[in-house]
Protein backbone atom coordinates (compact mmCIF):
# COMPACT_ATOMS: atom_id res chain seq x y z
CA MET A 1 0.00 -33.02 43.51
CA ALA A 2 3.21 -32.46 45.66
CA ASP A 3 5.10 -36.20 45.93
CA GLU A 4 6.22 -35.32 49.43
CA VAL A 5 4.73 -33.26 52.62
CA ASP A 6 7.67 -30.65 52.95
CA VAL A 7 7.69 -28.63 56.47
CA SER A 8 10.12 -26.09 54.96
CA GLU A 9 7.75 -25.81 51.51
CA GLU A 10 6.17 -22.37 52.32
CA GLN A 11 3.17 -22.56 49.63
CA ILE A 12 2.22 -25.69 51.92
CA ARG A 13 0.68 -24.46 55.02
CA THR A 14 -2.21 -26.63 55.62
CA ILE A 15 -3.28 -30.50 54.63
CA ASP A 16 -6.77 -30.82 54.32
CA TYR A 17 -8.03 -35.10 55.26
CA ASP A 18 -11.05 -36.60 55.64
CA GLY A 19 -12.49 -32.83 55.48
CA ILE A 20 -10.64 -31.20 58.00
CA LYS A 21 -7.85 -28.98 58.07
CA TYR A 22 -4.18 -29.20 59.66
CA ALA A 23 -1.32 -27.01 60.14
CA VAL A 24 1.62 -28.37 58.51
CA GLU A 25 3.40 -26.70 61.07
CA ASP A 26 1.90 -28.65 63.89
CA LEU A 27 2.03 -32.10 62.55
CA PRO A 28 4.38 -34.20 63.93
CA PRO A 29 7.19 -36.38 62.49
CA ARG A 30 5.36 -39.38 62.14
CA ILE A 31 1.87 -37.85 61.10
CA ILE A 32 4.08 -36.13 57.96
CA ASP A 33 6.26 -39.74 57.09
CA GLY A 34 1.99 -40.90 57.07
CA PHE A 35 0.62 -38.37 54.52
CA ASN A 36 4.53 -38.28 52.49
CA MET A 37 3.10 -42.28 52.84
CA LEU A 38 -0.02 -41.83 51.73
CA ILE A 39 0.80 -40.06 48.32
CA LYS A 40 2.70 -42.24 47.15
CA LEU A 41 0.59 -44.71 47.94
CA GLN A 42 -2.22 -42.89 45.48
CA ASN A 43 0.73 -42.28 43.14
CA ASP A 44 1.03 -45.98 42.94
CA ILE A 45 -2.21 -46.70 42.88
CA ALA A 46 -2.44 -44.84 39.79
CA GLU A 47 0.41 -46.14 38.01
CA GLN A 48 -1.08 -49.83 38.55
CA SER A 49 -3.71 -48.81 37.34
CA TYR A 50 -2.61 -47.29 33.98
CA GLN A 51 -0.19 -50.28 33.53
CA LEU A 52 -3.65 -52.57 33.94
CA LYS A 53 -5.15 -50.14 31.21
CA LYS A 54 -2.13 -50.57 28.78
CA SER A 55 -1.79 -54.51 29.48
CA GLN A 56 -5.67 -54.54 28.50
CA ALA A 57 -5.24 -52.82 25.56
CA ALA A 58 -2.05 -55.02 24.15
CA GLN A 59 -3.90 -58.02 25.24
CA THR A 60 -7.36 -56.57 22.79
CA GLY A 61 -4.53 -55.97 20.18
CA LEU A 62 -2.88 -58.99 20.36
CA SER A 63 -5.71 -60.89 20.43
CA ILE A 64 -7.43 -59.05 17.30
CA GLU A 65 -4.19 -59.69 15.23
CA LEU A 66 -4.37 -63.22 16.25
CA LYS A 67 -7.47 -63.83 15.11
CA ASN A 68 -6.78 -62.02 11.98
CA ASN A 69 -3.30 -63.89 11.25
CA LEU A 70 -5.32 -67.39 11.61
CA ALA A 71 -7.88 -66.27 9.20
CA GLU A 72 -5.43 -64.91 6.85
CA ASP A 73 -3.19 -68.28 7.01
CA LYS A 74 -6.41 -70.17 6.62
CA VAL A 75 -5.89 -72.57 9.67
CA LYS A 76 -8.50 -74.77 10.02
CA PRO A 77 -10.12 -75.07 13.88
CA VAL A 78 -9.93 -78.96 14.60
CA PRO A 79 -13.57 -80.72 14.25
CA GLU A 80 -15.91 -81.36 17.33
CA ALA A 81 -15.99 -85.09 16.49
CA ALA A 82 -12.31 -84.91 16.58
CA LEU A 83 -11.96 -83.46 19.80
CA GLU A 84 -14.77 -86.06 20.79
CA GLU A 85 -12.99 -89.02 19.57
CA ALA A 86 -9.47 -87.66 21.32
CA VAL A 87 -11.60 -87.72 24.56
CA VAL A 88 -12.96 -91.08 24.25
CA ASN A 89 -9.38 -92.77 23.64
């Protein structure tokens, strides 16, 4: 996908938008700017989707590592009775 619609590029002669083809040479500058913005926004969405997946994978990996470290270091959870006593006091 091209980053920008550039009228000077010979290979881009038409744009298909919502199933309708438009000749690039017939588009006014504000429409070309709109298409450029739309392309950039689509690229931003793809990047944000990638970043979210990457963060979720890191979160999952860190959660597994913490669980393993808690077990390896034999850290004991607080007993329920101690939790209930702390709430009452």
